[in-house]
Amino acid sequence: MTLRHATLRQLQVFESVARNLSFSRAAAELHLTQPAVSMQVKLMEEHAGLPLFERLGKKIFLTEAGAELHQHSRVIAQQLRDADEALAARKGLSQGRLLITMVSTAKYFVPPLLARFLGQHPGVTVKLSANNREVVLKQLADNEVDLAIMGRTPEGMDAVAEPFARHPHVIIAAPGNPLAKKRSIPLARLAQETFLIREPGSGTRGLLERLFAEHRLPLNVSMEMASNETIKQAVQAGMGVSLLSLHTIELELKTRRLVVLDVQGLPIVRDWHVVHLAAKRLSPVAQAFRDFLLSTAGKLLPER
């Protein structure tokens, strides 16, 4: 048998497993059972005449043959997506599929914006993922998505990045923190505070590190956390202070579970950007959502 006998479905399943390095995640992505995914991969290996994956404990890895095939399968998968988009363009905006990735901080405001957009275009389906900045950049570079939503724009990538809303960052603390009632706090005073920060690869962490480095101040870090929610809970518990996007703490500020410290030179205000590869031909649906963000989102998000 040769790969010429493989079906597109088998190739699609292989590509998903290879990209996720997980049979279970591929099964969820493709709406299949895990045994069905395993069977399709086994058939692909029979067609290839070589093992495509190897197991080490509970993890799977691509073999050399698997990595080679993955390069080709990614190209084929993208060509199929392009064909879908071309057909969707003929159907207009009555239906179509939108693939969006976003940095995790954006999950606090993108779903409501999407809900408003989908209310205007009920036939559109969306696949939305939230990850740290490094993963989002990889998804964008690999052309796995139509649009990416992030703060700081990509560097060294041929991409179009357009600002659509202001993005303020603030220092937060528990209401009982001694600094909570102070005004015009010098940034140097915060060097005495214990900071809770995001994991490496997070845009928020990078912003905090650059802020302290620019002022030549030491950053006293006690704990790394992989989500804004965990950081908020820890700050509420009095474990330290943190720098977070204002868009992530609206509820906590309203319920007085967190406070924004009045620090000199803050908030740090950046922009939210909608990004796509420069060479990518956006589908009518992707173009419509991009236009929606540029015209509407800035009016809906708080700036202070």
C-alpha atoms as a PDB file:
ATOM      1  CA  MET A   1       0.000   0.000   0.000  1.00  0.00           C
ATOM      2  CA  THR A   2       1.081   3.611  -0.567  1.00  0.00           C
ATOM      3  CA  LEU A   3      -0.089   7.017   0.578  1.00  0.00           C
ATOM      4  CA  ARG A   4      -1.979   7.321  -2.707  1.00  0.00           C
ATOM      5  CA  HIS A   5      -4.526   4.947  -1.196  1.00  0.00           C
ATOM      6  CA  ALA A   6      -5.049   7.116   1.884  1.00  0.00           C
ATOM      7  CA  THR A   7      -8.308   9.031   2.152  1.00  0.00           C
ATOM      8  CA  LEU A   8      -8.608  12.733   2.865  1.00  0.00           C
ATOM      9  CA  ARG A   9     -10.312  11.859   6.146  1.00  0.00           C
ATOM     10  CA  GLN A  10      -7.356   9.736   7.230  1.00  0.00           C
ATOM     11  CA  LEU A  11      -4.997  12.566   6.321  1.00  0.00           C
ATOM     12  CA  GLN A  12      -7.147  15.047   8.225  1.00  0.00           C
ATOM     13  CA  VAL A  13      -7.139  12.854  11.320  1.00  0.00           C
ATOM     14  CA  PHE A  14      -3.384  12.346  11.127  1.00  0.00           C
ATOM     15  CA  GLU A  15      -2.793  16.093  10.757  1.00  0.00           C
ATOM     16  CA  SER A  16      -4.909  16.848  13.833  1.00  0.00           C
ATOM     17  CA  VAL A  17      -3.138  14.233  15.982  1.00  0.00           C
ATOM     18  CA  ALA A  18       0.273  15.431  14.757  1.00  0.00           C
ATOM     19  CA  ARG A  19      -0.555  19.064  15.476  1.00  0.00           C
ATOM     20  CA  ASN A  20      -2.045  18.391  18.916  1.00  0.00           C
ATOM     21  CA  LEU A  21       0.265  15.479  19.801  1.00  0.00           C
ATOM     22  CA  SER A  22      -2.802  13.995  21.430  1.00  0.00           C
ATOM     23  CA  PHE A  23      -5.365  11.443  20.292  1.00  0.00           C
ATOM     24  CA  SER A  24      -7.959  12.767  22.739  1.00  0.00           C
ATOM     25  CA  ARG A  25      -7.608  16.417  21.669  1.00  0.00           C
ATOM     26  CA  ALA A  26      -7.765  15.400  18.008  1.00  0.00           C
ATOM     27  CA  ALA A  27     -10.910  13.367  18.722  1.00  0.00           C
ATOM     28  CA  ALA A  28     -12.552  16.377  20.392  1.00  0.00           C
ATOM     29  CA  GLU A  29     -11.505  18.705  17.565  1.00  0.00           C
ATOM     30  CA  LEU A  30     -12.877  16.391  14.869  1.00  0.00           C
ATOM     31  CA  HIS A  31     -15.954  15.260  16.833  1.00  0.00           C
ATOM     32  CA  LEU A  32     -14.848  11.620  16.696  1.00  0.00           C
ATOM     33  CA  THR A  33     -14.342   8.941  19.313  1.00  0.00           C
ATOM     34  CA  GLN A  34     -10.765   8.247  20.387  1.00  0.00           C
ATOM     35  CA  PRO A  35     -10.906   4.636  19.053  1.00  0.00           C
ATOM     36  CA  ALA A  36     -11.993   6.020  15.663  1.00  0.00           C
ATOM     37  CA  VAL A  37      -9.006   8.390  15.631  1.00  0.00           C
ATOM     38  CA  SER A  38      -6.642   5.569  16.590  1.00  0.00           C
ATOM     39  CA  MET A  39      -8.015   3.409  13.783  1.00  0.00           C
ATOM     40  CA  GLN A  40      -7.539   6.145  11.161  1.00  0.00           C
ATOM     41  CA  VAL A  41      -3.948   6.717  12.319  1.00  0.00           C
ATOM     42  CA  LYS A  42      -3.270   2.974  12.181  1.00  0.00           C
ATOM     43  CA  LEU A  43      -4.522   2.920   8.578  1.00  0.00           C
ATOM     44  CA  MET A  44      -2.279   5.880   7.730  1.00  0.00           C
ATOM     45  CA  GLU A  45       0.712   4.013   9.139  1.00  0.00           C
ATOM     46  CA  GLU A  46      -0.214   1.001   7.005  1.00  0.00           C
ATOM     47  CA  HIS A  47      -0.354   3.225   3.924  1.00  0.00           C
ATOM     48  CA  ALA A  48       2.980   4.835   4.835  1.00  0.00           C
ATOM     49  CA  GLY A  49       4.635   1.524   5.672  1.00  0.00           C
ATOM     50  CA  LEU A  50       6.372   3.212   8.616  1.00  0.00           C
ATOM     51  CA  PRO A  51       5.434   4.157  12.180  1.00  0.00           C
ATOM     52  CA  LEU A  52       4.320   7.781  12.352  1.00  0.00           C
ATOM     53  CA  PHE A  53       4.127   8.145  16.136  1.00  0.00           C
ATOM     54  CA  GLU A  54       5.977   6.757  19.099  1.00  0.00           C
ATOM     55  CA  ARG A  55       4.866   6.637  22.726  1.00  0.00           C
ATOM     56  CA  LEU A  56       7.006   7.547  25.724  1.00  0.00           C
ATOM     57  CA  GLY A  57       4.947   6.994  28.837  1.00  0.00           C
ATOM     58  CA  LYS A  58       1.646   8.807  28.362  1.00  0.00           C
ATOM     59  CA  LYS A  59       3.002  11.191  25.712  1.00  0.00           C
ATOM     60  CA  ILE A  60       3.212  10.695  21.953  1.00  0.00           C
ATOM     61  CA  PHE A  61       5.828  12.085  19.599  1.00  0.00           C
ATOM     62  CA  LEU A  62       6.215  12.205  15.834  1.00  0.00           C
ATOM     63  CA  THR A  63       8.768   9.872  14.311  1.00  0.00           C
ATOM     64  CA  GLU A  64      10.982  11.226  11.532  1.00  0.00           C
ATOM     65  CA  ALA A  65       8.549   9.777   8.991  1.00  0.00           C
ATOM     66  CA  GLY A  66       5.629  11.318  10.904  1.00  0.00           C
ATOM     67  CA  ALA A  67       7.282  14.747  10.958  1.00  0.00           C
ATOM     68  CA  GLU A  68       7.911  14.554   7.210  1.00  0.00           C
ATOM     69  CA  LEU A  69       4.315  13.568   6.511  1.00  0.00           C
ATOM     70  CA  HIS A  70       3.039  16.293   8.823  1.00  0.00           C
ATOM     71  CA  GLN A  71       4.727  18.965   6.699  1.00  0.00           C
ATOM     72  CA  HIS A  72       2.823  17.751   3.635  1.00  0.00           C
ATOM     73  CA  SER A  73      -0.459  17.176   5.495  1.00  0.00           C
ATOM     74  CA  ARG A  74      -0.428  20.749   6.808  1.00  0.00           C
ATOM     75  CA  VAL A  75      -0.197  22.080   3.252  1.00  0.00           C
ATOM     76  CA  ILE A  76      -3.065  19.850   2.123  1.00  0.00           C
ATOM     77  CA  ALA A  77      -5.191  20.817   5.137  1.00  0.00           C
ATOM     78  CA  GLN A  78      -4.634  24.500   4.361  1.00  0.00           C
ATOM     79  CA  GLN A  79      -5.557  23.970   0.710  1.00  0.00           C
ATOM     80  CA  LEU A  80      -8.815  22.372   1.818  1.00  0.00           C
ATOM     81  CA  ARG A  81      -9.501  25.350   4.107  1.00  0.00           C
ATOM     82  CA  ASP A  82      -8.780  27.708   1.215  1.00  0.00           C
ATOM     83  CA  ALA A  83     -11.216  25.760  -0.958  1.00  0.00           C
ATOM     84  CA  ASP A  84     -13.861  26.034   1.781  1.00  0.00           C
ATOM     85  CA  GLU A  85     -13.277  29.783   1.982  1.00  0.00           C
ATOM     86  CA  ALA A  86     -13.541  30.150  -1.790  1.00  0.00           C
ATOM     87  CA  LEU A  87     -16.874  28.349  -1.767  1.00  0.00           C
ATOM     88  CA  ALA A  88     -18.021  30.372   1.228  1.00  0.00           C
ATOM     89  CA  ALA A  89     -17.233  33.539  -0.724  1.00  0.00           C
ATOM     90  CA  ARG A  90     -19.727  32.425  -3.356  1.00  0.00           C
ATOM     91  CA  LYS A  91     -22.350  31.913  -0.655  1.00  0.00           C
ATOM     92  CA  GLY A  92     -21.748  35.333   0.864  1.00  0.00           C
ATOM     93  CA  LEU A  93     -22.225  35.979   4.587  1.00  0.00           C
ATOM     94  CA  SER A  94     -25.287  33.777   5.029  1.00  0.00           C
ATOM     95  CA  GLN A  95     -22.938  30.982   6.078  1.00  0.00           C
ATOM     96  CA  GLY A  96     -19.252  30.372   6.588  1.00  0.00           C
ATOM     97  CA  ARG A  97     -16.685  29.371   9.200  1.00  0.00           C
ATOM     98  CA  LEU A  98     -14.506  31.743  11.200  1.00  0.00           C
ATOM     99  CA  LEU A  99     -11.255  30.574  12.846  1.00  0.00           C
ATOM    100  CA  ILE A 100     -10.032  32.936  15.574  1.00  0.00           C
ATOM    101  CA  THR A 101      -7.198  32.691  18.079  1.00  0.00           C
ATOM    102  CA  MET A 102      -6.642  35.187  20.877  1.00  0.00           C
ATOM    103  CA  VAL A 103      -4.330  35.799  23.798  1.00  0.00           C
ATOM    104  CA  SER A 104      -5.962  34.581  26.995  1.00  0.00           C
ATOM    105  CA  THR A 105      -6.609  38.088  28.324  1.00  0.00           C
ATOM    106  CA  ALA A 106      -8.922  38.752  25.377  1.00  0.00           C
ATOM    107  CA  LYS A 107     -11.338  36.009  26.478  1.00  0.00           C
ATOM    108  CA  TYR A 108     -12.987  38.524  28.811  1.00  0.00           C
ATOM    109  CA  PHE A 109     -14.369  40.654  26.000  1.00  0.00           C
ATOM    110  CA  VAL A 110     -14.191  38.733  22.701  1.00  0.00           C
ATOM    111  CA  PRO A 111     -17.137  36.343  23.393  1.00  0.00           C
ATOM    112  CA  PRO A 112     -19.617  39.236  23.915  1.00  0.00           C
ATOM    113  CA  LEU A 113     -18.339  40.876  20.741  1.00  0.00           C
ATOM    114  CA  LEU A 114     -18.699  37.606  18.859  1.00  0.00           C
ATOM    115  CA  ALA A 115     -22.229  37.181  20.202  1.00  0.00           C
ATOM    116  CA  ARG A 116     -23.171  40.577  18.805  1.00  0.00           C
ATOM    117  CA  PHE A 117     -21.551  39.762  15.442  1.00  0.00           C
ATOM    118  CA  LEU A 118     -23.242  36.343  15.229  1.00  0.00           C
ATOM    119  CA  GLY A 119     -26.572  37.968  16.016  1.00  0.00           C
ATOM    120  CA  GLN A 120     -26.137  39.853  12.753  1.00  0.00           C
ATOM    121  CA  HIS A 121     -24.851  36.756  10.889  1.00  0.00           C
ATOM    122  CA  PRO A 122     -26.655  33.729  12.392  1.00  0.00           C
ATOM    123  CA  GLY A 123     -25.437  31.274   9.726  1.00  0.00           C
ATOM    124  CA  VAL A 124     -21.772  31.736  10.638  1.00  0.00           C
ATOM    125  CA  THR A 125     -19.951  29.161  12.804  1.00  0.00           C
ATOM    126  CA  VAL A 126     -16.882  30.009  14.863  1.00  0.00           C
ATOM    127  CA  LYS A 127     -13.903  28.101  16.221  1.00  0.00           C
ATOM    128  CA  LEU A 128     -12.331  30.184  18.978  1.00  0.00           C
ATOM    129  CA  SER A 129      -9.199  29.370  20.998  1.00  0.00           C
ATOM    130  CA  ALA A 130      -7.405  31.234  23.783  1.00  0.00           C
ATOM    131  CA  ASN A 131      -3.694  30.753  24.481  1.00  0.00           C
ATOM    132  CA  ASN A 132      -0.647  32.653  25.623  1.00  0.00           C
ATOM    133  CA  ARG A 133       1.117  34.924  23.158  1.00  0.00           C
ATOM    134  CA  GLU A 134       3.696  32.371  22.003  1.00  0.00           C
ATOM    135  CA  VAL A 135       1.041  29.826  20.998  1.00  0.00           C
ATOM    136  CA  VAL A 136      -1.072  32.500  19.269  1.00  0.00           C
ATOM    137  CA  LEU A 137       1.922  33.624  17.211  1.00  0.00           C
ATOM    138  CA  LYS A 138       2.632  30.033  16.178  1.00  0.00           C
ATOM    139  CA  GLN A 139      -0.982  29.461  15.131  1.00  0.00           C
ATOM    140  CA  LEU A 140      -0.837  32.656  13.097  1.00  0.00           C
ATOM    141  CA  ALA A 141       2.513  31.806  11.482  1.00  0.00           C
ATOM    142  CA  ASP A 142       1.284  28.290  10.620  1.00  0.00           C
ATOM    143  CA  ASN A 143      -1.809  29.781   8.937  1.00  0.00           C
ATOM    144  CA  GLU A 144      -4.094  27.753  11.183  1.00  0.00           C
ATOM    145  CA  VAL A 145      -6.467  30.675  11.787  1.00  0.00           C
ATOM    146  CA  ASP A 146      -8.144  33.512   9.919  1.00  0.00           C
ATOM    147  CA  LEU A 147      -7.586  36.194  12.535  1.00  0.00           C
ATOM    148  CA  ALA A 148      -5.638  36.630  15.755  1.00  0.00           C
ATOM    149  CA  ILE A 149      -6.474  39.056  18.548  1.00  0.00           C
ATOM    150  CA  MET A 150      -3.553  40.273  20.646  1.00  0.00           C
ATOM    151  CA  GLY A 151      -2.014  43.301  22.288  1.00  0.00           C
ATOM    152  CA  ARG A 152       1.584  43.699  21.122  1.00  0.00           C
ATOM    153  CA  THR A 153       1.910  43.221  17.364  1.00  0.00           C
ATOM    154  CA  PRO A 154       3.970  40.358  15.865  1.00  0.00           C
ATOM    155  CA  GLU A 155       7.645  40.970  15.187  1.00  0.00           C
ATOM    156  CA  GLY A 156       9.514  39.419  12.281  1.00  0.00           C
ATOM    157  CA  MET A 157       6.320  38.202  10.635  1.00  0.00           C
ATOM    158  CA  ASP A 158       4.736  39.436   7.410  1.00  0.00           C
ATOM    159  CA  ALA A 159       1.379  40.247   8.963  1.00  0.00           C
ATOM    160  CA  VAL A 160      -1.215  43.022   8.975  1.00  0.00           C
ATOM    161  CA  ALA A 161      -2.004  44.279  12.485  1.00  0.00           C
ATOM    162  CA  GLU A 162      -4.748  46.889  12.981  1.00  0.00           C
ATOM    163  CA  PRO A 163      -5.652  48.524  16.320  1.00  0.00           C
ATOM    164  CA  PHE A 164      -9.333  48.353  17.235  1.00  0.00           C
ATOM    165  CA  ALA A 165      -9.529  49.336  20.941  1.00  0.00           C
ATOM    166  CA  ARG A 166      -7.444  50.799  23.747  1.00  0.00           C
ATOM    167  CA  HIS A 167      -5.968  48.319  26.230  1.00  0.00           C
ATOM    168  CA  PRO A 168      -5.112  49.664  29.715  1.00  0.00           C
ATOM    169  CA  HIS A 169      -3.020  47.684  32.241  1.00  0.00           C
ATOM    170  CA  VAL A 170      -3.121  48.437  35.970  1.00  0.00           C
ATOM    171  CA  ILE A 171      -1.592  47.245  39.236  1.00  0.00           C
ATOM    172  CA  ILE A 172      -4.165  45.446  41.375  1.00  0.00           C
ATOM    173  CA  ALA A 173      -4.224  44.610  45.078  1.00  0.00           C
ATOM    174  CA  ALA A 174      -6.568  43.332  47.752  1.00  0.00           C
ATOM    175  CA  PRO A 175      -8.696  46.080  49.372  1.00  0.00           C
ATOM    176  CA  GLY A 176      -6.836  45.523  52.654  1.00  0.00           C
ATOM    177  CA  ASN A 177      -3.410  46.186  51.137  1.00  0.00           C
ATOM    178  CA  PRO A 178      -1.710  49.177  52.872  1.00  0.00           C
ATOM    179  CA  LEU A 179      -1.229  50.841  49.474  1.00  0.00           C
ATOM    180  CA  ALA A 180      -4.926  50.648  48.573  1.00  0.00           C
ATOM    181  CA  LYS A 181      -5.706  54.095  50.004  1.00  0.00           C
ATOM    182  CA  LYS A 182      -2.468  55.777  48.948  1.00  0.00           C
ATOM    183  CA  ARG A 183      -2.360  58.254  46.088  1.00  0.00           C
ATOM    184  CA  SER A 184       0.334  58.821  43.451  1.00  0.00           C
ATOM    185  CA  ILE A 185       2.431  55.847  44.549  1.00  0.00           C
ATOM    186  CA  PRO A 186       5.989  55.936  43.113  1.00  0.00           C
ATOM    187  CA  LEU A 187       6.807  52.917  40.993  1.00  0.00           C
ATOM    188  CA  ALA A 188       9.932  52.428  43.119  1.00  0.00           C
ATOM    189  CA  ARG A 189       7.677  51.748  46.116  1.00  0.00           C
ATOM    190  CA  LEU A 190       6.227  48.753  44.271  1.00  0.00           C
ATOM    191  CA  ALA A 191       9.681  47.169  44.138  1.00  0.00           C
ATOM    192  CA  GLN A 192       9.048  46.370  47.815  1.00  0.00           C
ATOM    193  CA  GLU A 193       5.847  44.469  46.984  1.00  0.00           C
ATOM    194  CA  THR A 194       5.539  40.786  46.155  1.00  0.00           C
ATOM    195  CA  PHE A 195       4.300  40.235  42.595  1.00  0.00           C
ATOM    196  CA  LEU A 196       2.243  37.381  41.191  1.00  0.00           C
ATOM    197  CA  ILE A 197       2.920  36.960  37.482  1.00  0.00           C
ATOM    198  CA  ARG A 198       1.848  34.946  34.448  1.00  0.00           C
ATOM    199  CA  GLU A 199       3.861  32.117  32.889  1.00  0.00           C
ATOM    200  CA  PRO A 200       6.755  32.658  30.434  1.00  0.00           C
ATOM    201  CA  GLY A 201       5.383  33.538  27.002  1.00  0.00           C
ATOM    202  CA  SER A 202       2.585  35.704  28.421  1.00  0.00           C
ATOM    203  CA  GLY A 203       2.269  39.192  26.975  1.00  0.00           C
ATOM    204  CA  THR A 204       1.171  40.601  30.350  1.00  0.00           C
ATOM    205  CA  ARG A 205       4.265  39.205  32.031  1.00  0.00           C
ATOM    206  CA  GLY A 206       6.483  40.672  29.325  1.00  0.00           C
ATOM    207  CA  LEU A 207       4.900  44.105  29.803  1.00  0.00           C
ATOM    208  CA  LEU A 208       5.536  44.026  33.576  1.00  0.00           C
ATOM    209  CA  GLU A 209       9.132  42.883  33.131  1.00  0.00           C
ATOM    210  CA  ARG A 210       9.817  45.629  30.594  1.00  0.00           C
ATOM    211  CA  LEU A 211       8.252  48.253  32.876  1.00  0.00           C
ATOM    212  CA  PHE A 212      10.547  47.400  35.798  1.00  0.00           C
ATOM    213  CA  ALA A 213      13.596  46.955  33.563  1.00  0.00           C
ATOM    214  CA  GLU A 214      13.083  50.393  31.969  1.00  0.00           C
ATOM    215  CA  HIS A 215      13.082  51.955  35.448  1.00  0.00           C
ATOM    216  CA  ARG A 216      15.978  49.742  36.600  1.00  0.00           C
ATOM    217  CA  LEU A 217      13.936  48.357  39.453  1.00  0.00           C
ATOM    218  CA  PRO A 218      14.048  44.823  40.867  1.00  0.00           C
ATOM    219  CA  LEU A 219      10.910  42.760  40.364  1.00  0.00           C
ATOM    220  CA  ASN A 220      10.118  40.689  43.452  1.00  0.00           C
ATOM    221  CA  VAL A 221       8.256  37.633  42.138  1.00  0.00           C
ATOM    222  CA  SER A 222       6.833  35.055  44.525  1.00  0.00           C
ATOM    223  CA  MET A 223       4.734  32.914  42.217  1.00  0.00           C
ATOM    224  CA  GLU A 224       4.033  32.166  38.536  1.00  0.00           C
ATOM    225  CA  MET A 225       0.473  31.309  37.522  1.00  0.00           C
ATOM    226  CA  ALA A 226      -0.946  30.132  34.215  1.00  0.00           C
ATOM    227  CA  SER A 227      -4.196  32.105  34.243  1.00  0.00           C
ATOM    228  CA  ASN A 228      -5.554  35.526  35.090  1.00  0.00           C
ATOM    229  CA  GLU A 229      -8.291  33.927  37.181  1.00  0.00           C
ATOM    230  CA  THR A 230      -5.776  32.235  39.470  1.00  0.00           C
ATOM    231  CA  ILE A 231      -3.834  35.472  39.834  1.00  0.00           C
ATOM    232  CA  LYS A 232      -6.995  37.382  40.763  1.00  0.00           C
ATOM    233  CA  GLN A 233      -7.902  34.839  43.430  1.00  0.00           C
ATOM    234  CA  ALA A 234      -4.387  34.950  44.876  1.00  0.00           C
ATOM    235  CA  VAL A 235      -4.350  38.753  44.949  1.00  0.00           C
ATOM    236  CA  GLN A 236      -7.746  38.763  46.683  1.00  0.00           C
ATOM    237  CA  ALA A 237      -6.265  36.412  49.285  1.00  0.00           C
ATOM    238  CA  GLY A 238      -3.525  38.955  50.029  1.00  0.00           C
ATOM    239  CA  MET A 239      -0.677  36.911  48.549  1.00  0.00           C
ATOM    240  CA  GLY A 240       0.704  39.854  46.581  1.00  0.00           C
ATOM    241  CA  VAL A 241      -0.022  42.378  43.849  1.00  0.00           C
ATOM    242  CA  SER A 242      -0.092  41.989  40.073  1.00  0.00           C
ATOM    243  CA  LEU A 243      -0.247  43.786  36.758  1.00  0.00           C
ATOM    244  CA  LEU A 244      -3.351  42.825  34.757  1.00  0.00           C
ATOM    245  CA  SER A 245      -5.435  44.155  31.918  1.00  0.00           C
ATOM    246  CA  LEU A 246      -8.271  46.364  33.100  1.00  0.00           C
ATOM    247  CA  HIS A 247     -10.567  44.316  30.873  1.00  0.00           C
ATOM    248  CA  THR A 248     -10.035  41.234  33.071  1.00  0.00           C
ATOM    249  CA  ILE A 249     -11.136  42.758  36.388  1.00  0.00           C
ATOM    250  CA  GLU A 250     -14.382  44.653  35.755  1.00  0.00           C
ATOM    251  CA  LEU A 251     -16.471  42.322  37.943  1.00  0.00           C
ATOM    252  CA  GLU A 252     -13.962  42.296  40.807  1.00  0.00           C
ATOM    253  CA  LEU A 253     -13.780  46.087  40.824  1.00  0.00           C
ATOM    254  CA  LYS A 254     -17.571  46.429  40.879  1.00  0.00           C
ATOM    255  CA  THR A 255     -17.853  43.984  43.790  1.00  0.00           C
ATOM    256  CA  ARG A 256     -14.874  45.587  45.582  1.00  0.00           C
ATOM    257  CA  ARG A 257     -12.931  42.338  45.756  1.00  0.00           C
ATOM    258  CA  LEU A 258      -9.959  44.050  44.102  1.00  0.00           C
ATOM    259  CA  VAL A 259      -8.702  47.615  43.881  1.00  0.00           C
ATOM    260  CA  VAL A 260      -6.543  49.419  41.347  1.00  0.00           C
ATOM    261  CA  LEU A 261      -3.506  51.037  42.925  1.00  0.00           C
ATOM    262  CA  ASP A 262      -2.913  54.695  42.066  1.00  0.00           C
ATOM    263  CA  VAL A 263       0.636  54.341  40.712  1.00  0.00           C
ATOM    264  CA  GLN A 264       2.553  57.136  39.026  1.00  0.00           C
ATOM    265  CA  GLY A 265       2.745  56.650  35.263  1.00  0.00           C
ATOM    266  CA  LEU A 266      -0.021  54.051  35.185  1.00  0.00           C
ATOM    267  CA  PRO A 267      -2.200  52.767  33.664  1.00  0.00           C
ATOM    268  CA  ILE A 268      -0.034  51.552  30.815  1.00  0.00           C
ATOM    269  CA  VAL A 269      -2.276  51.985  27.795  1.00  0.00           C
ATOM    270  CA  ARG A 270      -1.618  49.910  24.704  1.00  0.00           C
ATOM    271  CA  ASP A 271      -3.882  48.814  21.844  1.00  0.00           C
ATOM    272  CA  TRP A 272      -5.753  45.649  21.011  1.00  0.00           C
ATOM    273  CA  HIS A 273      -4.970  44.484  17.476  1.00  0.00           C
ATOM    274  CA  VAL A 274      -6.699  42.219  14.990  1.00  0.00           C
ATOM    275  CA  VAL A 275      -4.014  40.441  12.983  1.00  0.00           C
ATOM    276  CA  HIS A 276      -3.823  38.281   9.864  1.00  0.00           C
ATOM    277  CA  LEU A 277      -1.053  37.111   7.584  1.00  0.00           C
ATOM    278  CA  ALA A 278      -0.375  39.652   4.855  1.00  0.00           C
ATOM    279  CA  ALA A 279      -0.593  36.999   2.145  1.00  0.00           C
ATOM    280  CA  LYS A 280      -3.856  35.541   3.451  1.00  0.00           C
ATOM    281  CA  ARG A 281      -6.995  36.105   1.425  1.00  0.00           C
ATOM    282  CA  LEU A 282      -9.674  36.713   4.023  1.00  0.00           C
ATOM    283  CA  SER A 283     -13.026  35.066   3.486  1.00  0.00           C
ATOM    284  CA  PRO A 284     -16.117  37.319   3.450  1.00  0.00           C
ATOM    285  CA  VAL A 285     -16.900  36.180   7.001  1.00  0.00           C
ATOM    286  CA  ALA A 286     -13.393  36.931   8.294  1.00  0.00           C
ATOM    287  CA  GLN A 287     -13.397  40.283   6.508  1.00  0.00           C
ATOM    288  CA  ALA A 288     -16.787  41.140   8.014  1.00  0.00           C
ATOM    289  CA  PHE A 289     -15.643  40.299  11.561  1.00  0.00           C
ATOM    290  CA  ARG A 290     -12.449  42.308  11.084  1.00  0.00           C
ATOM    291  CA  ASP A 291     -14.523  45.300   9.914  1.00  0.00           C
ATOM    292  CA  PHE A 292     -16.888  44.796  12.867  1.00  0.00           C
ATOM    293  CA  LEU A 293     -13.975  44.969  15.341  1.00  0.00           C
ATOM    294  CA  LEU A 294     -12.502  48.069  13.717  1.00  0.00           C
ATOM    295  CA  SER A 295     -15.808  49.943  13.675  1.00  0.00           C
ATOM    296  CA  THR A 296     -17.526  48.774  16.868  1.00  0.00           C
ATOM    297  CA  ALA A 297     -15.282  47.184  19.507  1.00  0.00           C
ATOM    298  CA  GLY A 298     -13.569  50.377  20.622  1.00  0.00           C
ATOM    299  CA  LYS A 299     -16.923  51.874  21.630  1.00  0.00           C
ATOM    300  CA  LEU A 300     -17.780  48.899  23.843  1.00  0.00           C
ATOM    301  CA  LEU A 301     -14.603  48.366  25.867  1.00  0.00           C
ATOM    302  CA  PRO A 302     -13.689  50.485  28.928  1.00  0.00           C
ATOM    303  CA  GLU A 303     -10.509  52.552  28.665  1.00  0.00           C
ATOM    304  CA  ARG A 304     -10.125  53.548  32.337  1.00  0.00           C
END
